[in-house]
Amino acid sequence: MAPLPRELTLSGRLWLTAGLGVILVWASLFAAPGTTEWWTERDMVILEWLADLRTSAGITVAKALHGLGAEWVVRSLRIGMLVALIVVRRWRHLFAVLLAIAAVGVSVEFLGEAIGRVRPAVDVVGSWSGPAHPSAPVAALAVTLMAGALSLVPAGRYRVIALGVGALLVALHGAGRLYLGVDHPSDVLASALYAPAVTFVLFGWFVPDSIFPVAWKRGVKAHLDVSGARGRAIRRAVKEQLGVDVLAIEPFRLEVSSSSTPLRLRVAAETAGEAFLFAKLYSQTHLNSDRWYKFGRSILYGSLEDEVRFTSVRRLVEYEDYIQRVMAVCCVPSAAPIAVVEITPEREYLLVSEFLADAREITEGDMSASIIDDALAVVRGMWDAGLAHRDIKPSNVMVSRGEVVLIDFSFGMVRPSPWRQAVDLANMMLILALKSDATTVYERALHQFAPADIAEGFAATCSVTIPRQTRSMLAALERDRGIDLVAEFQRISPSREPIAIQRWSPRRIWRTAAAAAAGAFLVVQIWSEIRGQGLL
């Protein structure tokens, strides 16, 4: 079953057909002298007819249309597109744009030299340079407009309009070149079809809309739209695999999640009424984010645990489901796991668990002594079971029915290193002290942990080991009240030399060098485009 199959849309099939058609035209146009003469004769019939229609006003208009493909026009469009993508940090689309421009530019230049077609045998009014086929200016304008529409305009009505406007501009530019006698009709037609076809195929392969949608709205890019086809697929999959009717799908607490799309499912209860389930939607977007996160972290400070790269979305979801069930078996208070629901094999999965209806973040209420003790007991329980959460932050530590509960085990680990468990303790103490004070939390911690354990945790604590949400809250506390909680805990804990976080290895050195080389290559290519030298 594949509720969301990866199918070629009508536009995809049309562009693929156009690309293959251009290849066939090239094969017939220049494979044998006879076919070359046949095409040239047809081209000349059209060009001679257009030459007979020339007027001074028509030439003026044609020169203006010819200017649409001028180097400075195309370069300005590309620079604006690249700047916009950098500003909105849509890096994958940026790479796709550069790849499309480079692929079309290199292939057109190669084909032009290999084919070596001369200019039309009519009076040429406009300026030109290089071989006639394919038409390099037409191809450059076409790939730029197509890449801009696919990378900057959301799919739907507005993208259709953008593509239509782009096609009109390319057609007008090509018409202007034909009127001036610069190109043969087959030169313009081949370039106008080939460049967009290559661009469309590259974008469909590298940044498909189903996985990397373009959306001009605020929020985390990992949050997928669960309406439309995806929403219907979720309802159907949950019904078929869990036997539960989904009445509504609601995004839930998106502001505190950046690695998945959290959802609240309103379902029909076994008895009369409704109930709720919590679900996390994972897709290729989240798999790629996990890979880049681990890659970037290994460059910043090395691999601190024996982590492996997940090979598929299925493996990513299986891992979190496994850790969540291990936590439940070891009696770590958490939302009860229910099932993994397959939306589309290897592409999209739903991790379903109990919904904590009355839960709140631990920092959103009063921090009583019993809450502090329960939170520290959760960490103690993970220590005794040989587990680590590795993402202790306010949004992952909830209070439900007066009990402290952990959620989100995507970074959880079995048999972690002792320092990693100590960091879990330090992070828990920090978020408890946000609504209390360092001294109170430290004294309560001494009931369950040795002073040396606490000292080890804060000896290993630095900005890298503290989750972003906690860092921002600590910074706000220091800014508003002048309290540095990390320094406070380090002051009242036994003296301990700081634990070095940086881990150097041949893999880290290689990855750092590769990332630096890729960054330098990207900067050089963008600079080359700005200077008008073209990519590659």
Protein backbone atom coordinates (compact mmCIF):
# COMPACT_ATOMS: atom_id res chain seq x y z
CA MET A 1 0.00 0.00 0.00
CA ALA A 2 1.33 3.45 -0.85
CA PRO A 3 -1.16 6.22 0.01
CA LEU A 4 1.28 8.87 -1.23
CA PRO A 5 2.99 7.28 -4.23
CA ARG A 6 5.83 9.02 -5.97
CA GLU A 7 4.19 9.58 -9.32
CA LEU A 8 5.09 11.81 -12.23
CA THR A 9 2.56 14.58 -12.50
CA LEU A 10 1.19 15.68 -15.85
CA SER A 11 3.68 18.54 -16.01
CA GLY A 12 6.49 16.14 -15.13
CA ARG A 13 5.52 13.78 -17.91
CA LEU A 14 5.27 16.65 -20.37
CA TRP A 15 8.71 18.01 -19.51
CA LEU A 16 10.25 14.55 -19.61
CA THR A 17 8.69 14.01 -23.02
CA ALA A 18 9.97 17.38 -24.18
CA GLY A 19 13.49 16.57 -23.06
CA LEU A 20 13.47 13.23 -24.83
CA GLY A 21 12.01 14.91 -27.91
CA VAL A 22 14.87 17.42 -28.00
CA ILE A 23 17.38 14.57 -27.83
CA LEU A 24 15.66 12.89 -30.78
CA VAL A 25 15.67 16.17 -32.69
CA TRP A 26 19.39 16.56 -32.07
CA ALA A 27 20.00 13.01 -33.23
CA SER A 28 18.06 13.57 -36.44
CA LEU A 29 19.29 17.13 -36.99
CA PHE A 30 22.99 16.42 -36.97
CA ALA A 31 23.42 12.68 -37.30
CA ALA A 32 23.50 12.72 -41.09
CA PRO A 33 23.98 15.44 -43.72
CA GLY A 34 20.62 14.65 -45.29
CA THR A 35 18.61 15.33 -42.13
CA THR A 36 20.65 18.46 -41.43
CA GLU A 37 19.78 19.87 -44.83
CA TRP A 38 16.10 18.95 -44.34
CA TRP A 39 15.89 20.85 -41.03
CA THR A 40 17.86 23.80 -42.37
CA GLU A 41 15.52 24.15 -45.35
CA ARG A 42 12.48 24.30 -43.03
CA ASP A 43 14.24 26.79 -40.78
CA MET A 44 15.11 29.04 -43.72
CA VAL A 45 11.52 29.10 -44.98
CA ILE A 46 10.43 30.62 -41.66
CA LEU A 47 13.40 33.00 -41.40
CA GLU A 48 12.98 34.34 -44.95
CA TRP A 49 9.29 34.91 -44.29
CA LEU A 50 10.15 36.86 -41.10
CA ALA A 51 12.85 38.82 -42.94
CA ASP A 52 10.26 39.97 -45.48
CA LEU A 53 8.11 41.27 -42.61
CA ARG A 54 10.83 43.44 -41.10
CA THR A 55 10.11 47.10 -40.45
CA SER A 56 12.03 49.72 -38.51
CA ALA A 57 9.47 49.59 -35.68
CA GLY A 58 9.48 45.77 -35.70
CA ILE A 59 13.27 45.72 -35.50
CA THR A 60 13.15 48.10 -32.52
CA VAL A 61 10.68 45.85 -30.71
CA ALA A 62 12.65 42.73 -31.63
CA LYS A 63 15.87 44.26 -30.26
CA ALA A 64 14.06 44.96 -26.97
CA LEU A 65 12.90 41.34 -26.83
CA HIS A 66 16.40 40.24 -27.79
CA GLY A 67 17.64 42.17 -24.72
CA LEU A 68 15.67 39.87 -22.39
CA GLY A 69 18.48 37.36 -22.79
CA ALA A 70 21.26 39.90 -22.28
CA GLU A 71 23.97 38.85 -19.90
CA TRP A 72 23.23 41.59 -17.37
CA VAL A 73 19.51 40.72 -17.30
CA VAL A 74 20.09 37.00 -16.71
CA ARG A 75 22.84 37.74 -14.21
CA SER A 76 20.60 40.13 -12.24
CA LEU A 77 17.81 37.55 -12.10
CA ARG A 78 20.21 34.86 -10.88
CA ILE A 79 21.79 37.07 -8.24
CA GLY A 80 18.38 38.09 -6.92
CA MET A 81 17.27 34.45 -6.81
CA LEU A 82 20.42 33.31 -4.98
CA VAL A 83 20.21 36.16 -2.47
CA ALA A 84 16.55 35.39 -1.76
CA LEU A 85 17.33 31.71 -1.15
CA ILE A 86 20.22 32.59 1.15
CA VAL A 87 18.09 35.05 3.12
CA VAL A 88 15.36 32.46 3.74
CA ARG A 89 18.02 29.75 4.30
CA ARG A 90 16.56 27.39 1.75
CA TRP A 91 19.91 25.73 1.18
CA ARG A 92 18.80 22.63 -0.66
CA HIS A 93 16.92 24.71 -3.21
CA LEU A 94 19.99 26.93 -3.52
CA PHE A 95 22.13 23.92 -4.42
CA ALA A 96 19.47 22.73 -6.85
CA VAL A 97 19.48 26.12 -8.60
CA LEU A 98 23.26 26.12 -8.90
CA LEU A 99 23.23 22.53 -10.13
CA ALA A 100 20.61 23.30 -12.79
CA ILE A 101 22.42 26.41 -14.01
CA ALA A 102 25.73 24.57 -14.16
CA ALA A 103 24.28 21.49 -15.89
CA VAL A 104 22.49 23.50 -18.56
CA GLY A 105 25.40 25.91 -19.09
CA VAL A 106 28.04 23.22 -19.44
CA SER A 107 25.92 20.95 -21.67
CA VAL A 108 24.85 23.80 -23.97
CA GLU A 109 28.44 24.96 -24.35
CA PHE A 110 29.61 21.41 -25.06
CA LEU A 111 26.83 20.78 -27.58
CA GLY A 112 27.47 24.09 -29.31
CA GLU A 113 31.14 23.27 -29.83
CA ALA A 114 30.39 19.69 -30.87
CA ILE A 115 27.63 20.60 -33.33
CA GLY A 116 29.25 23.77 -34.64
CA ARG A 117 26.21 25.06 -36.48
CA VAL A 118 26.68 28.38 -38.29
CA ARG A 119 24.32 31.33 -38.10
CA PRO A 120 21.31 31.56 -40.48
CA ALA A 121 21.96 32.57 -44.09
CA VAL A 122 19.86 35.75 -43.82
CA ASP A 123 20.71 39.33 -42.94
CA VAL A 124 21.48 39.23 -39.20
CA VAL A 125 20.36 42.46 -37.52
CA GLY A 126 21.04 41.64 -33.87
CA SER A 127 24.27 40.90 -32.03
CA TRP A 128 25.45 37.34 -31.49
CA SER A 129 28.52 35.23 -30.67
CA GLY A 130 29.50 31.57 -30.72
CA PRO A 131 27.77 28.62 -32.39
CA ALA A 132 24.11 28.87 -33.31
CA HIS A 133 22.84 25.61 -31.84
CA PRO A 134 21.66 25.33 -29.13
CA SER A 135 20.80 28.98 -28.54
CA ALA A 136 22.82 29.76 -25.40
CA PRO A 137 20.94 32.99 -24.44
CA VAL A 138 17.55 31.27 -24.76
CA ALA A 139 18.77 28.35 -22.65
CA ALA A 140 20.24 30.70 -20.00
CA LEU A 141 17.02 32.68 -19.69
CA ALA A 142 14.86 29.54 -19.66
CA VAL A 143 16.83 27.75 -16.93
CA THR A 144 16.91 30.91 -14.80
CA LEU A 145 13.17 31.51 -14.98
CA MET A 146 12.30 27.85 -14.46
CA ALA A 147 14.65 27.53 -11.48
CA GLY A 148 13.24 30.72 -9.98
CA ALA A 149 9.67 29.47 -10.24
CA LEU A 150 10.49 26.06 -8.75
CA SER A 151 12.61 27.42 -5.88
CA LEU A 152 10.77 30.58 -4.87
CA VAL A 153 7.07 30.10 -5.73
CA PRO A 154 4.88 27.63 -3.79
CA ALA A 155 3.29 24.84 -5.80
CA GLY A 156 -0.19 25.60 -7.00
CA ARG A 157 -1.84 28.52 -8.72
CA TYR A 158 0.97 31.03 -8.20
CA ARG A 159 3.62 28.67 -9.53
CA VAL A 160 1.49 27.97 -12.62
CA ILE A 161 1.28 31.72 -13.17
CA ALA A 162 5.04 32.12 -12.66
CA LEU A 163 5.79 29.31 -15.09
CA GLY A 164 3.37 30.79 -17.62
CA VAL A 165 5.02 34.21 -17.34
CA GLY A 166 8.44 32.59 -17.70
CA ALA A 167 7.36 30.65 -20.78
CA LEU A 168 5.95 33.84 -22.30
CA LEU A 169 9.21 35.73 -21.71
CA VAL A 170 11.27 32.91 -23.22
CA ALA A 171 8.92 32.75 -26.22
CA LEU A 172 9.12 36.53 -26.74
CA HIS A 173 12.89 36.45 -26.44
CA GLY A 174 13.09 33.61 -28.96
CA ALA A 175 10.70 35.42 -31.32
CA GLY A 176 12.88 38.52 -31.15
CA ARG A 177 15.98 36.53 -32.04
CA LEU A 178 14.21 34.89 -34.99
CA TYR A 179 12.94 38.24 -36.28
CA LEU A 180 16.50 39.59 -36.18
CA GLY A 181 17.81 36.49 -37.92
CA VAL A 182 20.17 35.60 -35.05
CA ASP A 183 18.96 32.00 -34.60
CA HIS A 184 17.24 29.25 -36.55
CA PRO A 185 13.79 28.27 -35.27
CA SER A 186 15.14 24.82 -34.35
CA ASP A 187 17.90 26.51 -32.28
CA VAL A 188 15.36 28.43 -30.23
CA LEU A 189 12.89 25.56 -29.90
CA ALA A 190 15.52 23.05 -28.76
CA SER A 191 16.93 25.42 -26.12
CA ALA A 192 13.49 26.53 -24.91
CA LEU A 193 12.53 22.89 -24.28
CA TYR A 194 15.86 21.43 -23.19
CA ALA A 195 16.80 23.91 -20.43
CA PRO A 196 13.45 23.79 -18.55
CA ALA A 197 13.29 20.00 -18.94
CA VAL A 198 16.73 19.55 -17.35
CA THR A 199 15.81 21.97 -14.57
CA PHE A 200 12.50 20.25 -13.85
CA VAL A 201 14.08 16.79 -13.72
CA LEU A 202 16.89 17.98 -11.41
CA PHE A 203 14.45 19.68 -9.04
CA GLY A 204 12.18 16.61 -9.06
CA TRP A 205 15.14 14.45 -8.11
CA PHE A 206 16.90 16.77 -5.64
CA VAL A 207 14.08 18.81 -4.06
CA PRO A 208 10.71 17.17 -4.86
CA ASP A 209 7.74 19.22 -3.68
CA SER A 210 6.29 16.29 -1.75
CA ILE A 211 9.37 16.30 0.50
CA PHE A 212 10.74 19.84 0.27
CA PRO A 213 7.74 22.09 -0.37
CA VAL A 214 8.25 25.79 -1.00
CA ALA A 215 6.24 27.76 1.54
CA TRP A 216 6.46 31.47 2.28
CA LYS A 217 5.27 31.28 5.86
CA ARG A 218 6.82 31.53 9.25
CA GLY A 219 7.68 28.35 11.05
CA VAL A 220 10.01 25.39 10.99
CA LYS A 221 10.57 23.81 7.58
CA ALA A 222 10.33 20.35 9.16
CA HIS A 223 6.59 20.91 9.76
CA LEU A 224 4.71 19.27 6.92
CA ASP A 225 1.26 20.19 5.68
CA VAL A 226 -1.16 17.52 6.91
CA SER A 227 -4.14 18.66 4.89
CA GLY A 228 -5.12 17.48 1.43
CA ALA A 229 -3.68 14.20 0.13
CA ARG A 230 -1.37 13.69 3.11
CA GLY A 231 -4.21 14.16 5.59
CA ARG A 232 -6.38 11.64 3.73
CA ALA A 233 -3.47 9.20 3.64
CA ILE A 234 -2.97 9.52 7.42
CA ARG A 235 -6.64 8.84 8.10
CA ARG A 236 -6.68 5.83 5.81
CA ALA A 237 -3.45 4.36 7.21
CA VAL A 238 -4.52 4.76 10.86
CA LYS A 239 -7.87 3.18 10.08
CA GLU A 240 -6.35 0.22 8.24
CA GLN A 241 -3.44 -0.44 10.61
CA LEU A 242 -4.87 0.51 14.02
CA GLY A 243 -8.60 0.14 13.39
CA VAL A 244 -9.22 3.66 14.64
CA ASP A 245 -11.28 6.34 12.91
CA VAL A 246 -9.47 9.69 12.83
CA LEU A 247 -11.94 12.54 13.13
CA ALA A 248 -9.45 15.41 12.95
CA ILE A 249 -5.71 15.99 12.53
CA GLU A 250 -4.33 19.02 14.34
CA PRO A 251 -0.72 20.29 14.42
CA PHE A 252 0.31 20.35 18.07
CA ARG A 253 3.01 22.41 19.81
CA LEU A 254 4.90 23.09 16.60
CA GLU A 255 6.85 25.88 18.27
CA VAL A 256 8.88 23.44 20.38
CA SER A 257 9.55 20.82 17.72
CA SER A 258 12.10 21.08 14.91
CA SER A 259 12.83 17.43 14.11
CA SER A 260 9.33 16.15 13.26
CA THR A 261 5.75 17.25 12.69
CA PRO A 262 3.87 16.72 16.00
CA LEU A 263 0.15 16.09 15.68
CA ARG A 264 -2.88 15.59 17.88
CA LEU A 265 -5.27 13.04 16.43
CA ARG A 266 -8.89 13.33 17.48
CA VAL A 267 -10.25 9.82 17.16
CA ALA A 268 -13.51 8.03 17.76
CA ALA A 269 -13.45 6.36 21.19
CA GLU A 270 -14.40 2.72 21.66
CA THR A 271 -17.30 3.94 23.72
CA ALA A 272 -19.40 6.95 22.84
CA GLY A 273 -17.46 10.17 22.52
CA GLU A 274 -14.00 11.18 21.36
CA ALA A 275 -10.43 10.62 22.45
CA PHE A 276 -7.02 11.93 21.51
CA LEU A 277 -3.75 10.35 20.42
CA PHE A 278 -0.39 11.99 20.01
CA ALA A 279 1.56 11.35 16.80
CA LYS A 280 4.85 12.43 15.26
CA LEU A 281 5.02 12.48 11.49
CA TYR A 282 8.43 11.61 10.02
CA SER A 283 9.41 11.94 6.37
CA GLN A 284 12.48 12.24 4.17
CA THR A 285 12.74 15.87 5.28
CA HIS A 286 13.32 14.82 8.87
CA LEU A 287 15.76 12.08 7.86
CA ASN A 288 17.85 14.61 5.93
CA SER A 289 17.68 17.05 8.85
CA ASP A 290 18.94 14.33 11.20
CA ARG A 291 21.82 13.54 8.87
CA TRP A 292 22.86 17.17 8.47
CA TYR A 293 22.52 17.75 12.23
CA LYS A 294 24.85 14.89 13.02
CA PHE A 295 27.23 15.90 10.26
CA GLY A 296 27.40 19.49 11.49
CA ARG A 297 27.78 18.44 15.11
CA SER A 298 30.64 16.10 14.25
CA ILE A 299 32.40 19.06 12.60
CA LEU A 300 31.77 21.40 15.54
CA TYR A 301 33.00 19.14 18.31
CA GLY A 302 33.33 15.57 17.09
CA SER A 303 31.11 12.53 17.64
CA LEU A 304 30.45 12.23 21.35
CA GLU A 305 28.59 8.94 21.08
CA ASP A 306 28.76 5.93 18.82
CA GLU A 307 26.12 7.24 16.43
CA VAL A 308 25.33 5.84 13.02
CA ARG A 309 23.57 7.51 10.12
CA PHE A 310 20.01 6.30 9.65
CA THR A 311 19.65 4.80 6.20
CA SER A 312 15.92 5.38 5.83
CA VAL A 313 12.92 7.04 7.44
CA ARG A 314 11.83 3.58 8.60
CA ARG A 315 15.06 3.13 10.58
CA LEU A 316 14.70 6.59 12.12
CA VAL A 317 11.20 5.84 13.38
CA GLU A 318 12.09 2.32 14.49
CA TYR A 319 14.90 3.70 16.64
CA GLU A 320 12.71 6.20 18.48
CA ASP A 321 9.94 3.64 18.96
CA TYR A 322 12.48 1.17 20.35
CA ILE A 323 13.95 3.68 22.82
CA GLN A 324 10.48 4.75 23.94
CA ARG A 325 9.51 1.15 24.63
CA VAL A 326 12.76 0.47 26.49
CA MET A 327 12.08 3.52 28.65
CA ALA A 328 8.58 2.21 29.39
CA VAL A 329 9.87 -1.27 30.27
CA CYS A 330 12.44 0.30 32.63
CA CYS A 331 9.63 2.23 34.33
CA VAL A 332 10.80 5.66 33.21
CA PRO A 333 7.63 7.81 33.38
CA SER A 334 6.65 8.58 29.81
CA ALA A 335 3.72 8.60 27.40
CA ALA A 336 2.76 5.02 26.56
CA PRO A 337 3.88 3.98 23.06
CA ILE A 338 1.12 2.61 20.82
CA ALA A 339 2.31 1.82 17.31
CA VAL A 340 4.20 2.85 14.20
CA VAL A 341 1.86 3.59 11.30
CA GLU A 342 3.20 3.35 7.76
CA ILE A 343 1.92 6.17 5.57
CA THR A 344 4.11 5.46 2.55
CA PRO A 345 6.73 2.67 2.64
CA GLU A 346 10.25 4.01 3.28
CA ARG A 347 9.03 7.60 2.93
CA GLU A 348 6.56 8.63 5.64
CA TYR A 349 5.68 7.10 9.00
CA LEU A 350 3.59 8.10 11.99
CA LEU A 351 4.81 7.34 15.53
CA VAL A 352 1.66 7.11 17.67
CA SER A 353 1.61 7.26 21.46
CA GLU A 354 -0.60 8.21 24.39
CA PHE A 355 -1.81 11.80 24.48
CA LEU A 356 -1.17 13.51 27.82
CA ALA A 357 -4.29 15.65 27.87
CA ASP A 358 -3.60 17.64 31.03
CA ALA A 359 0.17 17.89 30.68
CA ARG A 360 2.18 21.10 30.93
CA GLU A 361 5.83 21.96 30.62
CA ILE A 362 7.61 21.66 33.93
CA THR A 363 8.56 25.35 33.89
CA GLU A 364 4.98 26.51 33.35
CA GLY A 365 3.79 25.86 36.90
CA ASP A 366 4.99 26.09 40.48
CA MET A 367 8.23 24.26 41.24
CA SER A 368 7.41 22.47 44.48
CA ALA A 369 9.81 20.22 46.36
CA SER A 370 7.85 17.15 45.27
CA ILE A 371 8.12 18.12 41.60
CA ILE A 372 11.88 18.65 41.97
CA ASP A 373 12.25 15.27 43.67
CA ASP A 374 10.17 13.51 40.99
CA ALA A 375 12.18 15.09 38.17
CA LEU A 376 15.48 14.07 39.74
CA ALA A 377 14.09 10.58 40.38
CA VAL A 378 13.39 10.25 36.66
CA VAL A 379 17.07 10.92 35.94
CA ARG A 380 18.08 8.54 38.73
CA GLY A 381 15.89 5.85 37.17
CA MET A 382 17.54 6.31 33.77
CA TRP A 383 20.97 6.10 35.40
CA ASP A 384 20.09 2.86 37.14
CA ALA A 385 18.66 1.36 33.93
CA GLY A 386 21.67 2.40 31.84
CA LEU A 387 19.74 4.90 29.72
CA ALA A 388 20.11 8.51 28.66
CA HIS A 389 17.57 10.91 27.20
CA ARG A 390 20.14 13.30 25.68
CA ASP A 391 17.60 16.09 25.10
CA ILE A 392 16.47 17.19 28.54
CA LYS A 393 14.78 20.57 28.06
CA PRO A 394 11.55 22.17 29.34
CA SER A 395 9.44 21.09 26.35
CA ASN A 396 10.46 17.44 26.87
CA VAL A 397 9.84 17.35 30.63
CA MET A 398 6.11 17.46 31.33
CA VAL A 399 3.97 17.38 34.45
CA SER A 400 0.88 15.20 34.01
CA ARG A 401 -1.50 14.43 36.89
CA GLY A 402 1.13 15.69 39.30
CA GLU A 403 3.81 13.33 37.94
CA VAL A 404 6.92 14.28 35.98
CA VAL A 405 6.90 12.59 32.57
CA LEU A 406 9.51 12.56 29.79
CA ILE A 407 8.62 12.77 26.12
CA ASP A 408 10.50 12.78 22.79
CA PHE A 409 13.10 10.00 22.88
CA SER A 410 14.51 10.58 19.39
CA PHE A 411 17.99 11.13 20.87
CA GLY A 412 17.69 8.48 23.59
CA MET A 413 20.51 6.01 24.11
CA VAL A 414 21.10 2.63 25.73
CA ARG A 415 24.32 2.19 27.72
CA PRO A 416 25.63 5.71 27.20
CA SER A 417 28.96 6.96 28.49
CA PRO A 418 28.91 8.12 32.15
CA TRP A 419 29.56 11.74 31.21
CA ARG A 420 26.48 11.73 28.95
CA GLN A 421 24.32 10.59 31.86
CA ALA A 422 25.91 13.30 33.99
CA VAL A 423 24.92 15.89 31.36
CA ASP A 424 21.31 14.68 31.58
CA LEU A 425 21.45 15.36 35.33
CA ALA A 426 22.94 18.82 34.83
CA ASN A 427 20.33 19.78 32.24
CA MET A 428 17.50 18.60 34.49
CA MET A 429 18.88 20.60 37.43
CA LEU A 430 19.17 23.70 35.26
CA ILE A 431 15.53 23.66 34.14
CA LEU A 432 14.39 22.97 37.71
CA ALA A 433 16.39 25.95 38.96
CA LEU A 434 14.78 28.21 36.36
CA LYS A 435 11.63 28.32 38.53
CA SER A 436 13.40 27.69 41.82
CA ASP A 437 17.04 28.42 42.72
CA ALA A 438 20.36 26.62 42.40
CA THR A 439 20.81 26.02 46.14
CA THR A 440 17.39 24.41 46.62
CA VAL A 441 17.78 22.14 43.61
CA TYR A 442 21.32 21.17 44.63
CA GLU A 443 20.22 20.24 48.15
CA ARG A 444 17.33 18.14 46.82
CA ALA A 445 19.68 16.43 44.36
CA LEU A 446 21.98 15.34 47.20
CA HIS A 447 19.20 12.98 48.37
CA GLN A 448 19.60 10.91 45.18
CA PHE A 449 23.07 11.72 43.78
CA ALA A 450 26.56 11.96 45.19
CA PRO A 451 28.26 15.40 45.14
CA ALA A 452 30.84 13.97 42.72
CA ASP A 453 28.04 13.03 40.29
CA ILE A 454 26.70 16.57 40.27
CA ALA A 455 30.16 18.03 39.92
CA GLU A 456 30.85 15.79 36.92
CA GLY A 457 27.66 16.93 35.23
CA PHE A 458 28.48 20.62 35.52
CA ALA A 459 32.14 20.04 34.66
CA ALA A 460 30.91 18.75 31.30
CA THR A 461 28.29 21.49 30.88
CA CYS A 462 28.86 24.12 28.23
CA SER A 463 26.79 25.76 25.51
CA VAL A 464 27.13 22.69 23.27
CA THR A 465 25.64 20.29 25.80
CA ILE A 466 22.68 22.52 26.77
CA PRO A 467 19.63 22.32 24.44
CA ARG A 468 18.75 25.51 22.61
CA GLN A 469 15.47 26.10 24.46
CA THR A 470 17.21 25.89 27.84
CA ARG A 471 20.05 28.15 26.63
CA SER A 472 17.61 30.86 25.62
CA MET A 473 15.82 30.68 28.99
CA LEU A 474 19.14 30.79 30.87
CA ALA A 475 20.21 33.81 28.83
CA ALA A 476 16.91 35.56 29.60
CA LEU A 477 17.35 34.85 33.32
CA GLU A 478 20.88 36.24 33.31
CA ARG A 479 19.78 39.30 31.33
CA ASP A 480 16.74 40.09 33.49
CA ARG A 481 17.99 39.12 36.95
CA GLY A 482 21.75 38.83 36.57
CA ILE A 483 21.77 35.15 37.62
CA ASP A 484 24.16 32.72 35.89
CA LEU A 485 22.75 29.33 36.90
CA VAL A 486 25.62 27.30 35.43
CA ALA A 487 28.15 29.35 37.39
CA GLU A 488 25.98 29.05 40.51
CA PHE A 489 25.90 25.25 40.33
CA GLN A 490 29.61 25.07 39.60
CA ARG A 491 30.29 27.29 42.62
CA ILE A 492 28.32 25.21 45.13
CA SER A 493 29.40 21.83 43.70
CA PRO A 494 32.73 20.20 44.59
CA SER A 495 35.64 21.54 42.58
CA ARG A 496 36.21 19.61 39.36
CA GLU A 497 38.33 20.26 36.30
CA PRO A 498 36.21 21.01 33.21
CA ILE A 499 35.63 17.98 30.98
CA ALA A 500 36.83 18.60 27.43
CA ILE A 501 34.01 18.32 24.93
CA GLN A 502 36.04 18.54 21.75
CA ARG A 503 36.80 15.12 20.25
CA TRP A 504 39.23 14.95 17.34
CA SER A 505 39.35 12.02 14.98
CA PRO A 506 40.34 11.37 11.35
CA ARG A 507 36.64 11.40 10.41
CA ARG A 508 36.13 14.83 11.95
CA ILE A 509 39.19 16.22 10.17
CA TRP A 510 38.05 14.76 6.85
CA ARG A 511 34.51 16.08 7.22
CA THR A 512 35.74 19.52 8.23
CA ALA A 513 38.02 19.68 5.20
CA ALA A 514 35.25 18.46 2.89
CA ALA A 515 32.78 21.02 4.28
CA ALA A 516 35.34 23.82 3.90
CA ALA A 517 36.07 22.77 0.30
CA ALA A 518 32.36 22.61 -0.56
CA GLY A 519 31.77 26.02 1.01
CA ALA A 520 34.69 27.53 -0.89
CA PHE A 521 33.44 25.99 -4.14
CA LEU A 522 29.96 27.42 -3.54
CA VAL A 523 31.34 30.90 -2.81
CA VAL A 524 33.54 30.80 -5.92
CA GLN A 525 30.62 29.73 -8.12
CA ILE A 526 28.32 32.45 -6.78
CA TRP A 527 31.07 35.04 -7.19
CA SER A 528 31.73 33.85 -10.73
CA GLU A 529 28.05 34.28 -11.52
CA ILE A 530 28.05 37.78 -10.02
CA ARG A 531 31.07 38.75 -12.13
CA GLY A 532 29.36 37.37 -15.21
CA GLN A 533 31.86 34.61 -15.89
CA GLY A 534 29.25 31.88 -15.59
CA LEU A 535 29.23 28.83 -13.39
CA LEU A 536 32.03 26.30 -13.89
